[in-house]
Amino acid sequence: MVHLRQRLAIFIKEKRGSTTQREFARKIGVAQSTIMRIENLDQNVTINTLETLCRVFHADIAELFPQVSQSKNYPLAPPRGLGVPETQRTGLLHEQTPKPSRAKVSKRKPRDQ
């Protein structure tokens, strides 16, 4: 699974540095709440917002989504009967993100003894 929201959040946090979200948002012409939601992985970013970010940072769309350090490439098996040469096969990229630790909470009621 490709975690584009996480990768965009990393890009924004790196570009923002120590600048406040409000100041940063004003500089690039978006709402502060947009920056906050992107950084919190809650924003479903529109094409317009991505185009704004590309224009402001003079960046290509791919630069908005830097590679996450932990990733695995999984080669695809060739489709059966189509004879796809090995040089034309593509693989899947799976980025591993640490899962937040959550304490198990029992929903059962304790038995009376």
PDB file of N, CA and C in Angstrom:
ATOM      1  N   MET A   1       0.842  -1.165   0.000  1.00  0.00           N
ATOM      2  CA  MET A   1       0.000   0.000   0.000  1.00  0.00           C
ATOM      3  C   MET A   1       0.894   1.238   0.000  1.00  0.00           C
ATOM      4  N   VAL A   2       0.563   2.208  -0.784  1.00  0.00           N
ATOM      5  CA  VAL A   2       1.330   3.439  -0.851  1.00  0.00           C
ATOM      6  C   VAL A   2       0.644   4.466   0.041  1.00  0.00           C
ATOM      7  N   HIS A   3       1.366   5.041   0.950  1.00  0.00           N
ATOM      8  CA  HIS A   3       0.820   5.972   1.925  1.00  0.00           C
ATOM      9  C   HIS A   3       1.089   7.409   1.474  1.00  0.00           C
ATOM     10  N   LEU A   4       0.305   7.877   0.520  1.00  0.00           N
ATOM     11  CA  LEU A   4       0.537   9.189  -0.054  1.00  0.00           C
ATOM     12  C   LEU A   4       0.287  10.311   0.947  1.00  0.00           C
ATOM     13  N   ARG A   5      -0.699  10.147   1.802  1.00  0.00           N
ATOM     14  CA  ARG A   5      -0.974  11.197   2.797  1.00  0.00           C
ATOM     15  C   ARG A   5       0.225  11.388   3.715  1.00  0.00           C
ATOM     16  N   GLN A   6       0.825  10.273   4.136  1.00  0.00           N
ATOM     17  CA  GLN A   6       1.993  10.358   5.016  1.00  0.00           C
ATOM     18  C   GLN A   6       3.162  11.016   4.289  1.00  0.00           C
ATOM     19  N   ARG A   7       3.352  10.651   3.031  1.00  0.00           N
ATOM     20  CA  ARG A   7       4.466  11.211   2.271  1.00  0.00           C
ATOM     21  C   ARG A   7       4.276  12.705   2.037  1.00  0.00           C
ATOM     22  N   LEU A   8       3.036  13.139   1.765  1.00  0.00           N
ATOM     23  CA  LEU A   8       2.774  14.566   1.586  1.00  0.00           C
ATOM     24  C   LEU A   8       2.975  15.313   2.900  1.00  0.00           C
ATOM     25  N   ALA A   9       2.565  14.709   4.002  1.00  0.00           N
ATOM     26  CA  ALA A   9       2.760  15.331   5.318  1.00  0.00           C
ATOM     27  C   ALA A   9       4.251  15.538   5.601  1.00  0.00           C
ATOM     28  N   ILE A  10       5.069  14.557   5.253  1.00  0.00           N
ATOM     29  CA  ILE A  10       6.518  14.681   5.441  1.00  0.00           C
ATOM     30  C   ILE A  10       7.052  15.852   4.632  1.00  0.00           C
ATOM     31  N   PHE A  11       6.624  15.968   3.372  1.00  0.00           N
ATOM     32  CA  PHE A  11       7.060  17.065   2.507  1.00  0.00           C
ATOM     33  C   PHE A  11       6.690  18.418   3.125  1.00  0.00           C
ATOM     34  N   ILE A  12       5.439  18.551   3.551  1.00  0.00           N
ATOM     35  CA  ILE A  12       4.965  19.819   4.110  1.00  0.00           C
ATOM     36  C   ILE A  12       5.724  20.163   5.391  1.00  0.00           C
ATOM     37  N   LYS A  13       5.906  19.185   6.270  1.00  0.00           N
ATOM     38  CA  LYS A  13       6.619  19.443   7.529  1.00  0.00           C
ATOM     39  C   LYS A  13       8.059  19.871   7.276  1.00  0.00           C
ATOM     40  N   GLU A  14       8.708  19.245   6.292  1.00  0.00           N
ATOM     41  CA  GLU A  14      10.086  19.620   5.973  1.00  0.00           C
ATOM     42  C   GLU A  14      10.150  21.037   5.406  1.00  0.00           C
ATOM     43  N   LYS A  15       9.225  21.377   4.528  1.00  0.00           N
ATOM     44  CA  LYS A  15       9.213  22.713   3.929  1.00  0.00           C
ATOM     45  C   LYS A  15       8.853  23.778   4.960  1.00  0.00           C
ATOM     46  N   ARG A  16       7.963  23.450   5.883  1.00  0.00           N
ATOM     47  CA  ARG A  16       7.511  24.412   6.887  1.00  0.00           C
ATOM     48  C   ARG A  16       8.603  24.689   7.903  1.00  0.00           C
ATOM     49  N   GLY A  17       9.363  23.656   8.275  1.00  0.00           N
ATOM     50  CA  GLY A  17      10.429  23.838   9.265  1.00  0.00           C
ATOM     51  C   GLY A  17       9.880  24.339  10.579  1.00  0.00           C
ATOM     52  N   SER A  18      10.456  25.427  11.100  1.00  0.00           N
ATOM     53  CA  SER A  18      10.019  25.966  12.385  1.00  0.00           C
ATOM     54  C   SER A  18       8.961  27.055  12.237  1.00  0.00           C
ATOM     55  N   THR A  19       8.561  27.339  11.000  1.00  0.00           N
ATOM     56  CA  THR A  19       7.515  28.326  10.747  1.00  0.00           C
ATOM     57  C   THR A  19       6.186  27.788  11.270  1.00  0.00           C
ATOM     58  N   THR A  20       5.363  28.656  11.829  1.00  0.00           N
ATOM     59  CA  THR A  20       4.062  28.201  12.311  1.00  0.00           C
ATOM     60  C   THR A  20       3.187  27.803  11.129  1.00  0.00           C
ATOM     61  N   GLN A  21       2.208  26.963  11.404  1.00  0.00           N
ATOM     62  CA  GLN A  21       1.285  26.547  10.347  1.00  0.00           C
ATOM     63  C   GLN A  21       0.578  27.748   9.742  1.00  0.00           C
ATOM     64  N   ARG A  22       0.204  28.693  10.572  1.00  0.00           N
ATOM     65  CA  ARG A  22      -0.512  29.885  10.097  1.00  0.00           C
ATOM     66  C   ARG A  22       0.344  30.711   9.136  1.00  0.00           C
ATOM     67  N   GLU A  23       1.585  30.987   9.537  1.00  0.00           N
ATOM     68  CA  GLU A  23       2.493  31.766   8.678  1.00  0.00           C
ATOM     69  C   GLU A  23       2.772  31.024   7.377  1.00  0.00           C
ATOM     70  N   PHE A  24       3.023  29.734   7.494  1.00  0.00           N
ATOM     71  CA  PHE A  24       3.317  28.914   6.316  1.00  0.00           C
ATOM     72  C   PHE A  24       2.130  28.905   5.355  1.00  0.00           C
ATOM     73  N   ALA A  25       0.933  28.733   5.901  1.00  0.00           N
ATOM     74  CA  ALA A  25      -0.276  28.704   5.071  1.00  0.00           C
ATOM     75  C   ALA A  25      -0.467  30.023   4.337  1.00  0.00           C
ATOM     76  N   ARG A  26      -0.231  31.132   5.008  1.00  0.00           N
ATOM     77  CA  ARG A  26      -0.366  32.445   4.368  1.00  0.00           C
ATOM     78  C   ARG A  26       0.637  32.607   3.219  1.00  0.00           C
ATOM     79  N   LYS A  27       1.871  32.123   3.444  1.00  0.00           N
ATOM     80  CA  LYS A  27       2.904  32.244   2.416  1.00  0.00           C
ATOM     81  C   LYS A  27       2.528  31.490   1.136  1.00  0.00           C
ATOM     82  N   ILE A  28       1.908  30.317   1.313  1.00  0.00           N
ATOM     83  CA  ILE A  28       1.624  29.505   0.127  1.00  0.00           C
ATOM     84  C   ILE A  28       0.196  29.652  -0.377  1.00  0.00           C
ATOM     85  N   GLY A  29      -0.639  30.407   0.349  1.00  0.00           N
ATOM     86  CA  GLY A  29      -1.973  30.707  -0.144  1.00  0.00           C
ATOM     87  C   GLY A  29      -3.030  29.649   0.103  1.00  0.00           C
ATOM     88  N   VAL A  30      -2.897  28.926   1.209  1.00  0.00           N
ATOM     89  CA  VAL A  30      -3.941  27.974   1.598  1.00  0.00           C
ATOM     90  C   VAL A  30      -4.337  28.264   3.042  1.00  0.00           C
ATOM     91  N   ALA A  31      -5.423  27.673   3.485  1.00  0.00           N
ATOM     92  CA  ALA A  31      -5.887  27.876   4.859  1.00  0.00           C
ATOM     93  C   ALA A  31      -4.991  27.138   5.846  1.00  0.00           C
ATOM     94  N   GLN A  32      -4.866  27.691   7.051  1.00  0.00           N
ATOM     95  CA  GLN A  32      -4.078  27.042   8.102  1.00  0.00           C
ATOM     96  C   GLN A  32      -4.649  25.675   8.421  1.00  0.00           C
ATOM     97  N   SER A  33      -5.962  25.558   8.375  1.00  0.00           N
ATOM     98  CA  SER A  33      -6.599  24.268   8.679  1.00  0.00           C
ATOM     99  C   SER A  33      -6.216  23.206   7.645  1.00  0.00           C
ATOM    100  N   THR A  34      -5.973  23.635   6.406  1.00  0.00           N
ATOM    101  CA  THR A  34      -5.529  22.694   5.370  1.00  0.00           C
ATOM    102  C   THR A  34      -4.161  22.124   5.726  1.00  0.00           C
ATOM    103  N   ILE A  35      -3.248  22.991   6.130  1.00  0.00           N
ATOM    104  CA  ILE A  35      -1.906  22.543   6.526  1.00  0.00           C
ATOM    105  C   ILE A  35      -2.000  21.604   7.722  1.00  0.00           C
ATOM    106  N   MET A  36      -2.820  21.961   8.709  1.00  0.00           N
ATOM    107  CA  MET A  36      -2.967  21.124   9.892  1.00  0.00           C
ATOM    108  C   MET A  36      -3.501  19.745   9.508  1.00  0.00           C
ATOM    109  N   ARG A  37      -4.527  19.693   8.657  1.00  0.00           N
ATOM    110  CA  ARG A  37      -5.115  18.407   8.274  1.00  0.00           C
ATOM    111  C   ARG A  37      -4.160  17.578   7.423  1.00  0.00           C
ATOM    112  N   ILE A  38      -3.375  18.224   6.562  1.00  0.00           N
ATOM    113  CA  ILE A  38      -2.375  17.483   5.779  1.00  0.00           C
ATOM    114  C   ILE A  38      -1.359  16.854   6.720  1.00  0.00           C
ATOM    115  N   GLU A  39      -0.852  17.628   7.665  1.00  0.00           N
ATOM    116  CA  GLU A  39       0.152  17.123   8.598  1.00  0.00           C
ATOM    117  C   GLU A  39      -0.402  16.040   9.525  1.00  0.00           C
ATOM    118  N   ASN A  40      -1.689  16.071   9.794  1.00  0.00           N
ATOM    119  CA  ASN A  40      -2.327  15.068  10.651  1.00  0.00           C
ATOM    120  C   ASN A  40      -2.888  13.894   9.857  1.00  0.00           C
ATOM    121  N   LEU A  41      -2.626  13.867   8.557  1.00  0.00           N
ATOM    122  CA  LEU A  41      -3.077  12.802   7.656  1.00  0.00           C
ATOM    123  C   LEU A  41      -4.596  12.723   7.545  1.00  0.00           C
ATOM    124  N   ASP A  42      -5.272  13.838   7.774  1.00  0.00           N
ATOM    125  CA  ASP A  42      -6.733  13.873   7.722  1.00  0.00           C
ATOM    126  C   ASP A  42      -7.277  14.529   6.460  1.00  0.00           C
ATOM    127  N   GLN A  43      -6.423  15.130   5.658  1.00  0.00           N
ATOM    128  CA  GLN A  43      -6.870  15.896   4.498  1.00  0.00           C
ATOM    129  C   GLN A  43      -6.923  15.045   3.249  1.00  0.00           C
ATOM    130  N   ASN A  44      -8.049  15.065   2.576  1.00  0.00           N
ATOM    131  CA  ASN A  44      -8.165  14.465   1.257  1.00  0.00           C
ATOM    132  C   ASN A  44      -7.843  15.594   0.276  1.00  0.00           C
ATOM    133  N   VAL A  45      -6.590  15.689  -0.128  1.00  0.00           N
ATOM    134  CA  VAL A  45      -6.080  16.829  -0.875  1.00  0.00           C
ATOM    135  C   VAL A  45      -6.648  16.838  -2.298  1.00  0.00           C
ATOM    136  N   THR A  46      -7.072  18.011  -2.729  1.00  0.00           N
ATOM    137  CA  THR A  46      -7.604  18.158  -4.082  1.00  0.00           C
ATOM    138  C   THR A  46      -6.468  18.366  -5.079  1.00  0.00           C
ATOM    139  N   ILE A  47      -6.801  18.166  -6.332  1.00  0.00           N
ATOM    140  CA  ILE A  47      -5.833  18.440  -7.404  1.00  0.00           C
ATOM    141  C   ILE A  47      -5.438  19.912  -7.373  1.00  0.00           C
ATOM    142  N   ASN A  48      -6.375  20.796  -7.085  1.00  0.00           N
ATOM    143  CA  ASN A  48      -6.068  22.229  -7.011  1.00  0.00           C
ATOM    144  C   ASN A  48      -5.023  22.521  -5.939  1.00  0.00           C
ATOM    145  N   THR A  49      -5.150  21.879  -4.781  1.00  0.00           N
ATOM    146  CA  THR A  49      -4.170  22.082  -3.710  1.00  0.00           C
ATOM    147  C   THR A  49      -2.804  21.546  -4.125  1.00  0.00           C
ATOM    148  N   LEU A  50      -2.785  20.380  -4.757  1.00  0.00           N
ATOM    149  CA  LEU A  50      -1.509  19.828  -5.229  1.00  0.00           C
ATOM    150  C   LEU A  50      -0.869  20.746  -6.261  1.00  0.00           C
ATOM    151  N   GLU A  51      -1.670  21.287  -7.182  1.00  0.00           N
ATOM    152  CA  GLU A  51      -1.136  22.216  -8.183  1.00  0.00           C
ATOM    153  C   GLU A  51      -0.589  23.476  -7.521  1.00  0.00           C
ATOM    154  N   THR A  52      -1.279  23.967  -6.492  1.00  0.00           N
ATOM    155  CA  THR A  52      -0.797  25.138  -5.752  1.00  0.00           C
ATOM    156  C   THR A  52       0.549  24.841  -5.104  1.00  0.00           C
ATOM    157  N   LEU A  53       0.662  23.686  -4.463  1.00  0.00           N
ATOM    158  CA  LEU A  53       1.925  23.309  -3.817  1.00  0.00           C
ATOM    159  C   LEU A  53       3.052  23.190  -4.843  1.00  0.00           C
ATOM    160  N   CYS A  54       2.760  22.584  -5.986  1.00  0.00           N
ATOM    161  CA  CYS A  54       3.777  22.458  -7.044  1.00  0.00           C
ATOM    162  C   CYS A  54       4.233  23.831  -7.530  1.00  0.00           C
ATOM    163  N   ARG A  55       3.274  24.719  -7.723  1.00  0.00           N
ATOM    164  CA  ARG A  55       3.598  26.055  -8.233  1.00  0.00           C
ATOM    165  C   ARG A  55       4.421  26.841  -7.204  1.00  0.00           C
ATOM    166  N   VAL A  56       3.987  26.820  -5.950  1.00  0.00           N
ATOM    167  CA  VAL A  56       4.663  27.586  -4.899  1.00  0.00           C
ATOM    168  C   VAL A  56       6.084  27.093  -4.664  1.00  0.00           C
ATOM    169  N   PHE A  57       6.263  25.769  -4.671  1.00  0.00           N
ATOM    170  CA  PHE A  57       7.574  25.203  -4.379  1.00  0.00           C
ATOM    171  C   PHE A  57       8.391  24.905  -5.627  1.00  0.00           C
ATOM    172  N   HIS A  58       7.876  25.292  -6.797  1.00  0.00           N
ATOM    173  CA  HIS A  58       8.558  25.014  -8.066  1.00  0.00           C
ATOM    174  C   HIS A  58       8.978  23.552  -8.106  1.00  0.00           C
ATOM    175  N   ALA A  59       8.002  22.696  -7.807  1.00  0.00           N
ATOM    176  CA  ALA A  59       8.272  21.266  -7.695  1.00  0.00           C
ATOM    177  C   ALA A  59       7.391  20.484  -8.663  1.00  0.00           C
ATOM    178  N   ASP A  60       7.907  19.340  -9.067  1.00  0.00           N
ATOM    179  CA  ASP A  60       7.117  18.398  -9.839  1.00  0.00           C
ATOM    180  C   ASP A  60       6.220  17.641  -8.861  1.00  0.00           C
ATOM    181  N   ILE A  61       5.124  17.119  -9.349  1.00  0.00           N
ATOM    182  CA  ILE A  61       4.181  16.407  -8.475  1.00  0.00           C
ATOM    183  C   ILE A  61       4.875  15.284  -7.699  1.00  0.00           C
ATOM    184  N   ALA A  62       5.818  14.593  -8.310  1.00  0.00           N
ATOM    185  CA  ALA A  62       6.514  13.488  -7.638  1.00  0.00           C
ATOM    186  C   ALA A  62       7.312  13.976  -6.435  1.00  0.00           C
ATOM    187  N   GLU A  63       7.793  15.205  -6.470  1.00  0.00           N
ATOM    188  CA  GLU A  63       8.582  15.748  -5.362  1.00  0.00           C
ATOM    189  C   GLU A  63       7.731  15.989  -4.116  1.00  0.00           C
ATOM    190  N   LEU A  64       6.414  16.098  -4.273  1.00  0.00           N
ATOM    191  CA  LEU A  64       5.533  16.294  -3.127  1.00  0.00           C
ATOM    192  C   LEU A  64       5.381  15.021  -2.298  1.00  0.00           C
ATOM    193  N   PHE A  65       5.790  13.897  -2.874  1.00  0.00           N
ATOM    194  CA  PHE A  65       5.623  12.603  -2.223  1.00  0.00           C
ATOM    195  C   PHE A  65       6.966  11.895  -2.094  1.00  0.00           C
ATOM    196  N   PRO A  66       7.842  12.368  -1.169  1.00  0.00           N
ATOM    197  CA  PRO A  66       9.159  11.748  -1.027  1.00  0.00           C
ATOM    198  C   PRO A  66       9.041  10.303  -0.553  1.00  0.00           C
ATOM    199  N   GLN A  67      10.021   9.499  -0.908  1.00  0.00           N
ATOM    200  CA  GLN A  67      10.028   8.091  -0.515  1.00  0.00           C
ATOM    201  C   GLN A  67      10.145   7.967   1.000  1.00  0.00           C
ATOM    202  N   VAL A  68       9.408   7.036   1.557  1.00  0.00           N
ATOM    203  CA  VAL A  68       9.516   6.705   2.972  1.00  0.00           C
ATOM    204  C   VAL A  68      10.675   5.739   3.102  1.00  0.00           C
ATOM    205  N   SER A  69      11.434   5.850   4.176  1.00  0.00           N
ATOM    206  CA  SER A  69      12.672   5.070   4.304  1.00  0.00           C
ATOM    207  C   SER A  69      12.463   3.568   4.298  1.00  0.00           C
ATOM    208  N   GLN A  70      11.394   3.079   4.859  1.00  0.00           N
ATOM    209  CA  GLN A  70      11.174   1.638   4.912  1.00  0.00           C
ATOM    210  C   GLN A  70      10.205   1.237   3.806  1.00  0.00           C
ATOM    211  N   SER A  71      10.695   0.557   2.804  1.00  0.00           N
ATOM    212  CA  SER A  71       9.811   0.097   1.743  1.00  0.00           C
ATOM    213  C   SER A  71      10.319  -1.221   1.189  1.00  0.00           C
ATOM    214  N   LYS A  72       9.412  -1.971   0.601  1.00  0.00           N
ATOM    215  CA  LYS A  72       9.744  -3.246  -0.012  1.00  0.00           C
ATOM    216  C   LYS A  72       9.187  -3.259  -1.419  1.00  0.00           C
ATOM    217  N   ASN A  73       9.939  -3.795  -2.350  1.00  0.00           N
ATOM    218  CA  ASN A  73       9.453  -3.989  -3.708  1.00  0.00           C
ATOM    219  C   ASN A  73       9.051  -5.440  -3.878  1.00  0.00           C
ATOM    220  N   TYR A  74       7.879  -5.647  -4.415  1.00  0.00           N
ATOM    221  CA  TYR A  74       7.388  -6.988  -4.678  1.00  0.00           C
ATOM    222  C   TYR A  74       7.251  -7.153  -6.186  1.00  0.00           C
ATOM    223  N   PRO A  75       8.078  -8.003  -6.811  1.00  0.00           N
ATOM    224  CA  PRO A  75       7.941  -8.194  -8.253  1.00  0.00           C
ATOM    225  C   PRO A  75       6.643  -8.929  -8.567  1.00  0.00           C
ATOM    226  N   LEU A  76       6.062  -8.584  -9.701  1.00  0.00           N
ATOM    227  CA  LEU A  76       4.836  -9.238 -10.132  1.00  0.00           C
ATOM    228  C   LEU A  76       5.163 -10.455 -10.977  1.00  0.00           C
ATOM    229  N   ALA A  77       4.371 -11.470 -10.831  1.00  0.00           N
ATOM    230  CA  ALA A  77       4.500 -12.637 -11.706  1.00  0.00           C
ATOM    231  C   ALA A  77       3.910 -12.251 -13.062  1.00  0.00           C
ATOM    232  N   PRO A  78       4.457 -12.797 -14.148  1.00  0.00           N
ATOM    233  CA  PRO A  78       3.915 -12.431 -15.458  1.00  0.00           C
ATOM    234  C   PRO A  78       2.506 -12.986 -15.624  1.00  0.00           C
ATOM    235  N   PRO A  79       1.648 -12.258 -16.324  1.00  0.00           N
ATOM    236  CA  PRO A  79       0.313 -12.780 -16.578  1.00  0.00           C
ATOM    237  C   PRO A  79       0.406 -14.075 -17.372  1.00  0.00           C
ATOM    238  N   ARG A  80      -0.429 -15.021 -17.037  1.00  0.00           N
ATOM    239  CA  ARG A  80      -0.391 -16.324 -17.700  1.00  0.00           C
ATOM    240  C   ARG A  80      -0.833 -16.207 -19.151  1.00  0.00           C
ATOM    241  N   GLY A  81      -0.065 -16.868 -20.018  1.00  0.00           N
ATOM    242  CA  GLY A  81      -0.435 -16.957 -21.424  1.00  0.00           C
ATOM    243  C   GLY A  81      -0.133 -15.726 -22.252  1.00  0.00           C
ATOM    244  N   LEU A  82       0.381 -14.651 -21.625  1.00  0.00           N
ATOM    245  CA  LEU A  82       0.642 -13.442 -22.402  1.00  0.00           C
ATOM    246  C   LEU A  82       2.109 -13.317 -22.803  1.00  0.00           C
ATOM    247  N   GLY A  83       2.982 -14.069 -22.158  1.00  0.00           N
ATOM    248  CA  GLY A  83       4.388 -14.052 -22.521  1.00  0.00           C
ATOM    249  C   GLY A  83       5.042 -12.688 -22.381  1.00  0.00           C
ATOM    250  N   VAL A  84       4.808 -11.999 -21.263  1.00  0.00           N
ATOM    251  CA  VAL A  84       5.400 -10.683 -21.033  1.00  0.00           C
ATOM    252  C   VAL A  84       6.875 -10.861 -20.712  1.00  0.00           C
ATOM    253  N   PRO A  85       7.779 -10.207 -21.477  1.00  0.00           N
ATOM    254  CA  PRO A  85       9.210 -10.327 -21.191  1.00  0.00           C
ATOM    255  C   PRO A  85       9.534  -9.796 -19.791  1.00  0.00           C
ATOM    256  N   GLU A  86      10.534 -10.377 -19.161  1.00  0.00           N
ATOM    257  CA  GLU A  86      10.903  -9.992 -17.796  1.00  0.00           C
ATOM    258  C   GLU A  86      11.261  -8.510 -17.701  1.00  0.00           C
ATOM    259  N   THR A  87      11.815  -7.954 -18.760  1.00  0.00           N
ATOM    260  CA  THR A  87      12.207  -6.546 -18.734  1.00  0.00           C
ATOM    261  C   THR A  87      11.010  -5.606 -18.697  1.00  0.00           C
ATOM    262  N   GLN A  88       9.814  -6.097 -19.012  1.00  0.00           N
ATOM    263  CA  GLN A  88       8.628  -5.246 -19.023  1.00  0.00           C
ATOM    264  C   GLN A  88       7.745  -5.453 -17.793  1.00  0.00           C
ATOM    265  N   ARG A  89       8.164  -6.319 -16.886  1.00  0.00           N
ATOM    266  CA  ARG A  89       7.376  -6.552 -15.682  1.00  0.00           C
ATOM    267  C   ARG A  89       7.581  -5.400 -14.709  1.00  0.00           C
ATOM    268  N   THR A  90       6.525  -5.089 -14.016  1.00  0.00           N
ATOM    269  CA  THR A  90       6.617  -4.059 -12.985  1.00  0.00           C
ATOM    270  C   THR A  90       6.267  -4.682 -11.652  1.00  0.00           C
ATOM    271  N   GLY A  91       6.656  -4.025 -10.591  1.00  0.00           N
ATOM    272  CA  GLY A  91       6.392  -4.544  -9.260  1.00  0.00           C
ATOM    273  C   GLY A  91       5.546  -3.587  -8.455  1.00  0.00           C
ATOM    274  N   LEU A  92       5.124  -4.046  -7.309  1.00  0.00           N
ATOM    275  CA  LEU A  92       4.357  -3.230  -6.379  1.00  0.00           C
ATOM    276  C   LEU A  92       5.294  -2.701  -5.309  1.00  0.00           C
ATOM    277  N   LEU A  93       5.000  -1.534  -4.814  1.00  0.00           N
ATOM    278  CA  LEU A  93       5.785  -0.942  -3.740  1.00  0.00           C
ATOM    279  C   LEU A  93       4.914  -0.907  -2.502  1.00  0.00           C
ATOM    280  N   HIS A  94       5.426  -1.447  -1.420  1.00  0.00           N
ATOM    281  CA  HIS A  94       4.697  -1.441  -0.156  1.00  0.00           C
ATOM    282  C   HIS A  94       5.544  -0.711   0.854  1.00  0.00           C
ATOM    283  N   GLU A  95       5.017   0.380   1.362  1.00  0.00           N
ATOM    284  CA  GLU A  95       5.749   1.136   2.365  1.00  0.00           C
ATOM    285  C   GLU A  95       5.286   0.690   3.736  1.00  0.00           C
ATOM    286  N   GLN A  96       6.245   0.388   4.567  1.00  0.00           N
ATOM    287  CA  GLN A  96       5.929  -0.067   5.906  1.00  0.00           C
ATOM    288  C   GLN A  96       5.932   1.117   6.853  1.00  0.00           C
ATOM    289  N   THR A  97       4.819   1.319   7.507  1.00  0.00           N
ATOM    290  CA  THR A  97       4.742   2.382   8.492  1.00  0.00           C
ATOM    291  C   THR A  97       4.523   1.747   9.847  1.00  0.00           C
ATOM    292  N   PRO A  98       5.159   2.293  10.847  1.00  0.00           N
ATOM    293  CA  PRO A  98       4.985   1.714  12.177  1.00  0.00           C
ATOM    294  C   PRO A  98       3.538   1.853  12.623  1.00  0.00           C
ATOM    295  N   LYS A  99       3.006   0.781  13.166  1.00  0.00           N
ATOM    296  CA  LYS A  99       1.632   0.816  13.652  1.00  0.00           C
ATOM    297  C   LYS A  99       1.635   1.383  15.060  1.00  0.00           C
ATOM    298  N   PRO A 100       0.658   2.264  15.349  1.00  0.00           N
ATOM    299  CA  PRO A 100       0.599   2.803  16.710  1.00  0.00           C
ATOM    300  C   PRO A 100       0.229   1.697  17.692  1.00  0.00           C
ATOM    301  N   SER A 101       0.896   1.720  18.828  1.00  0.00           N
ATOM    302  CA  SER A 101       0.597   0.694  19.821  1.00  0.00           C
ATOM    303  C   SER A 101      -0.676   1.087  20.561  1.00  0.00           C
ATOM    304  N   ARG A 102      -1.563   0.134  20.677  1.00  0.00           N
ATOM    305  CA  ARG A 102      -2.819   0.382  21.361  1.00  0.00           C
ATOM    306  C   ARG A 102      -3.004  -0.694  22.425  1.00  0.00           C
ATOM    307  N   ALA A 103      -3.378  -0.252  23.573  1.00  0.00           N
ATOM    308  CA  ALA A 103      -3.626  -1.205  24.656  1.00  0.00           C
ATOM    309  C   ALA A 103      -4.932  -1.935  24.366  1.00  0.00           C
ATOM    310  N   LYS A 104      -4.930  -3.235  24.623  1.00  0.00           N
ATOM    311  CA  LYS A 104      -6.139  -4.015  24.420  1.00  0.00           C
ATOM    312  C   LYS A 104      -7.121  -3.713  25.532  1.00  0.00           C
ATOM    313  N   VAL A 105      -8.334  -3.433  25.130  1.00  0.00           N
ATOM    314  CA  VAL A 105      -9.377  -3.160  26.099  1.00  0.00           C
ATOM    315  C   VAL A 105     -10.423  -4.262  25.973  1.00  0.00           C
ATOM    316  N   SER A 106     -10.700  -4.919  27.047  1.00  0.00           N
ATOM    317  CA  SER A 106     -11.688  -5.987  27.045  1.00  0.00           C
ATOM    318  C   SER A 106     -13.072  -5.388  27.161  1.00  0.00           C
ATOM    319  N   LYS A 107     -13.975  -5.856  26.297  1.00  0.00           N
ATOM    320  CA  LYS A 107     -15.342  -5.360  26.353  1.00  0.00           C
ATOM    321  C   LYS A 107     -16.244  -6.296  27.147  1.00  0.00           C
ATOM    322  N   ARG A 108     -15.680  -7.357  27.640  1.00  0.00           N
ATOM    323  CA  ARG A 108     -16.456  -8.299  28.449  1.00  0.00           C
ATOM    324  C   ARG A 108     -16.646  -7.766  29.855  1.00  0.00           C
ATOM    325  N   LYS A 109     -17.793  -8.098  30.409  1.00  0.00           N
ATOM    326  CA  LYS A 109     -18.039  -7.733  31.794  1.00  0.00           C
ATOM    327  C   LYS A 109     -17.372  -8.772  32.693  1.00  0.00           C
ATOM    328  N   PRO A 110     -16.803  -8.362  33.799  1.00  0.00           N
ATOM    329  CA  PRO A 110     -16.182  -9.338  34.692  1.00  0.00           C
ATOM    330  C   PRO A 110     -17.243 -10.256  35.294  1.00  0.00           C
ATOM    331  N   ARG A 111     -16.890 -11.534  35.436  1.00  0.00           N
ATOM    332  CA  ARG A 111     -17.816 -12.504  36.034  1.00  0.00           C
ATOM    333  C   ARG A 111     -17.851 -12.348  37.542  1.00  0.00           C
ATOM    334  N   ASP A 112     -19.048 -12.500  38.097  1.00  0.00           N
ATOM    335  CA  ASP A 112     -19.183 -12.452  39.558  1.00  0.00           C
ATOM    336  C   ASP A 112     -18.680 -13.770  40.138  1.00  0.00           C
ATOM    337  N   GLN A 113     -17.935 -13.718  41.192  1.00  0.00           N
ATOM    338  CA  GLN A 113     -17.396 -14.933  41.815  1.00  0.00           C
ATOM    339  C   GLN A 113     -17.957 -15.147  43.187  1.00  0.00           C
TER     340      GLN A 113
END
